C-alpha atoms as a PDB file:
ATOM      1  CA  UNK A   1       0.000   0.000   0.000  1.00  0.00           C
ATOM      2  CA  UNK A   2       1.428   3.417  -0.898  1.00  0.00           C
ATOM      3  CA  UNK A   3       2.667   5.530   2.001  1.00  0.00           C
ATOM      4  CA  UNK A   4       0.236   8.283   1.007  1.00  0.00           C
ATOM      5  CA  UNK A   5      -2.663   5.976   1.947  1.00  0.00           C
ATOM      6  CA  UNK A   6      -1.202   4.512   5.140  1.00  0.00           C
ATOM      7  CA  UNK A   7      -0.359   7.836   6.788  1.00  0.00           C
ATOM      8  CA  UNK A   8      -3.957   9.036   7.015  1.00  0.00           C
ATOM      9  CA  UNK A   9      -4.997   5.616   8.338  1.00  0.00           C
ATOM     10  CA  UNK A  10      -2.227   5.639  10.929  1.00  0.00           C
ATOM     11  CA  UNK A  11      -3.211   9.143  12.011  1.00  0.00           C
ATOM     12  CA  UNK A  12      -6.847   8.070  12.381  1.00  0.00           C
ATOM     13  CA  UNK A  13      -5.855   5.021  14.424  1.00  0.00           C
ATOM     14  CA  UNK A  14      -3.672   7.151  16.717  1.00  0.00           C
ATOM     15  CA  UNK A  15      -6.519   9.646  17.153  1.00  0.00           C
ATOM     16  CA  UNK A  16      -8.978   6.824  17.939  1.00  0.00           C
ATOM     17  CA  UNK A  17      -6.612   5.310  20.508  1.00  0.00           C
ATOM     18  CA  UNK A  18      -6.043   8.731  22.079  1.00  0.00           C
ATOM     19  CA  UNK A  19      -9.821   9.260  22.382  1.00  0.00           C
ATOM     20  CA  UNK A  20     -10.182   5.841  23.992  1.00  0.00           C
ATOM     21  CA  UNK A  21      -7.517   6.645  26.593  1.00  0.00           C
ATOM     22  CA  UNK A  22      -9.141  10.017  27.288  1.00  0.00           C
ATOM     23  CA  UNK A  23     -12.451   8.188  27.833  1.00  0.00           C
ATOM     24  CA  UNK A  24     -10.770   6.007  30.475  1.00  0.00           C
ATOM     25  CA  UNK A  25     -10.439   2.893  28.320  1.00  0.00           C
ATOM     26  CA  UNK A  26      -7.422   0.650  27.853  1.00  0.00           C
ATOM     27  CA  UNK A  27      -6.499  -1.577  24.954  1.00  0.00           C
ATOM     28  CA  UNK A  28      -6.239  -5.289  25.682  1.00  0.00           C
ATOM     29  CA  UNK A  29      -5.166  -8.103  23.377  1.00  0.00           C
ATOM     30  CA  UNK A  30      -6.564 -11.551  24.134  1.00  0.00           C
ATOM     31  CA  UNK A  31      -5.915 -15.017  22.815  1.00  0.00           C
ATOM     32  CA  UNK A  32      -9.096 -17.056  23.207  1.00  0.00           C
ATOM     33  CA  UNK A  33     -10.276 -20.418  21.937  1.00  0.00           C
ATOM     34  CA  UNK A  34     -12.439 -20.199  18.813  1.00  0.00           C
ATOM     35  CA  UNK A  35     -15.502 -21.349  20.743  1.00  0.00           C
ATOM     36  CA  UNK A  36     -15.112 -18.442  23.199  1.00  0.00           C
ATOM     37  CA  UNK A  37     -14.916 -15.966  20.321  1.00  0.00           C
ATOM     38  CA  UNK A  38     -17.947 -17.602  18.713  1.00  0.00           C
ATOM     39  CA  UNK A  39     -19.812 -17.194  22.015  1.00  0.00           C
ATOM     40  CA  UNK A  40     -18.903 -13.484  22.153  1.00  0.00           C
ATOM     41  CA  UNK A  41     -20.051 -13.075  18.552  1.00  0.00           C
ATOM     42  CA  UNK A  42     -23.345 -14.776  19.397  1.00  0.00           C
ATOM     43  CA  UNK A  43     -23.887 -12.496  22.411  1.00  0.00           C
ATOM     44  CA  UNK A  44     -23.026  -9.485  20.296  1.00  0.00           C
ATOM     45  CA  UNK A  45     -25.609 -10.399  17.691  1.00  0.00           C
ATOM     46  CA  UNK A  46     -28.366 -11.407  20.127  1.00  0.00           C
ATOM     47  CA  UNK A  47     -28.038  -8.213  22.163  1.00  0.00           C
ATOM     48  CA  UNK A  48     -27.455  -5.868  19.218  1.00  0.00           C
ATOM     49  CA  UNK A  49     -24.030  -4.822  20.445  1.00  0.00           C
ATOM     50  CA  UNK A  50     -21.468  -3.124  18.231  1.00  0.00           C
ATOM     51  CA  UNK A  51     -18.401  -5.080  19.287  1.00  0.00           C
ATOM     52  CA  UNK A  52     -17.003  -8.122  21.035  1.00  0.00           C
ATOM     53  CA  UNK A  53     -15.639  -5.733  23.640  1.00  0.00           C
ATOM     54  CA  UNK A  54     -19.171  -4.750  24.600  1.00  0.00           C
ATOM     55  CA  UNK A  55     -20.186  -8.412  24.837  1.00  0.00           C
ATOM     56  CA  UNK A  56     -17.191  -9.180  27.049  1.00  0.00           C
ATOM     57  CA  UNK A  57     -17.953  -6.159  29.236  1.00  0.00           C
ATOM     58  CA  UNK A  58     -21.525  -7.418  29.718  1.00  0.00           C
ATOM     59  CA  UNK A  59     -20.200 -10.790  30.855  1.00  0.00           C
ATOM     60  CA  UNK A  60     -17.793  -9.122  33.287  1.00  0.00           C
ATOM     61  CA  UNK A  61     -20.583  -6.975  34.750  1.00  0.00           C
ATOM     62  CA  UNK A  62     -22.823 -10.027  35.202  1.00  0.00           C
ATOM     63  CA  UNK A  63     -19.989 -11.930  36.836  1.00  0.00           C
ATOM     64  CA  UNK A  64     -19.359  -9.060  39.234  1.00  0.00           C
ATOM     65  CA  UNK A  65     -23.045  -8.932  40.178  1.00  0.00           C
ATOM     66  CA  UNK A  66     -23.096 -12.653  40.938  1.00  0.00           C
ATOM     67  CA  UNK A  67     -19.886 -12.425  42.954  1.00  0.00           C
ATOM     68  CA  UNK A  68     -21.193  -9.481  44.983  1.00  0.00           C
ATOM     69  CA  UNK A  69     -24.480 -11.291  45.676  1.00  0.00           C
ATOM     70  CA  UNK A  70     -22.586 -14.343  46.924  1.00  0.00           C
ATOM     71  CA  UNK A  71     -20.598 -12.190  49.363  1.00  0.00           C
ATOM     72  CA  UNK A  72     -23.734 -10.874  51.097  1.00  0.00           C
END
C-alpha cells in the first residue's frame, strides 16, 4: 500500500486510541479459543451490540453482580 494511503490511516488510528484513553479505556489483546470468540459473537448479535468488547464487558458486569451477591 502506498505511504500516502497509510499515513492518514495511521493518524486516524492514533486519534482513535487517544480518544479511547481520554475516555478512560485501555487496549487489551486476548488469545481465546475459537468457541469463546464464537460465544462473544453470538452475544453481540443477540443483544445488538457493536463489538465483542461490549459483549465481554456485559459478561464481566454479570460476573461481578453474581460475585457481589454471593458475598452478602
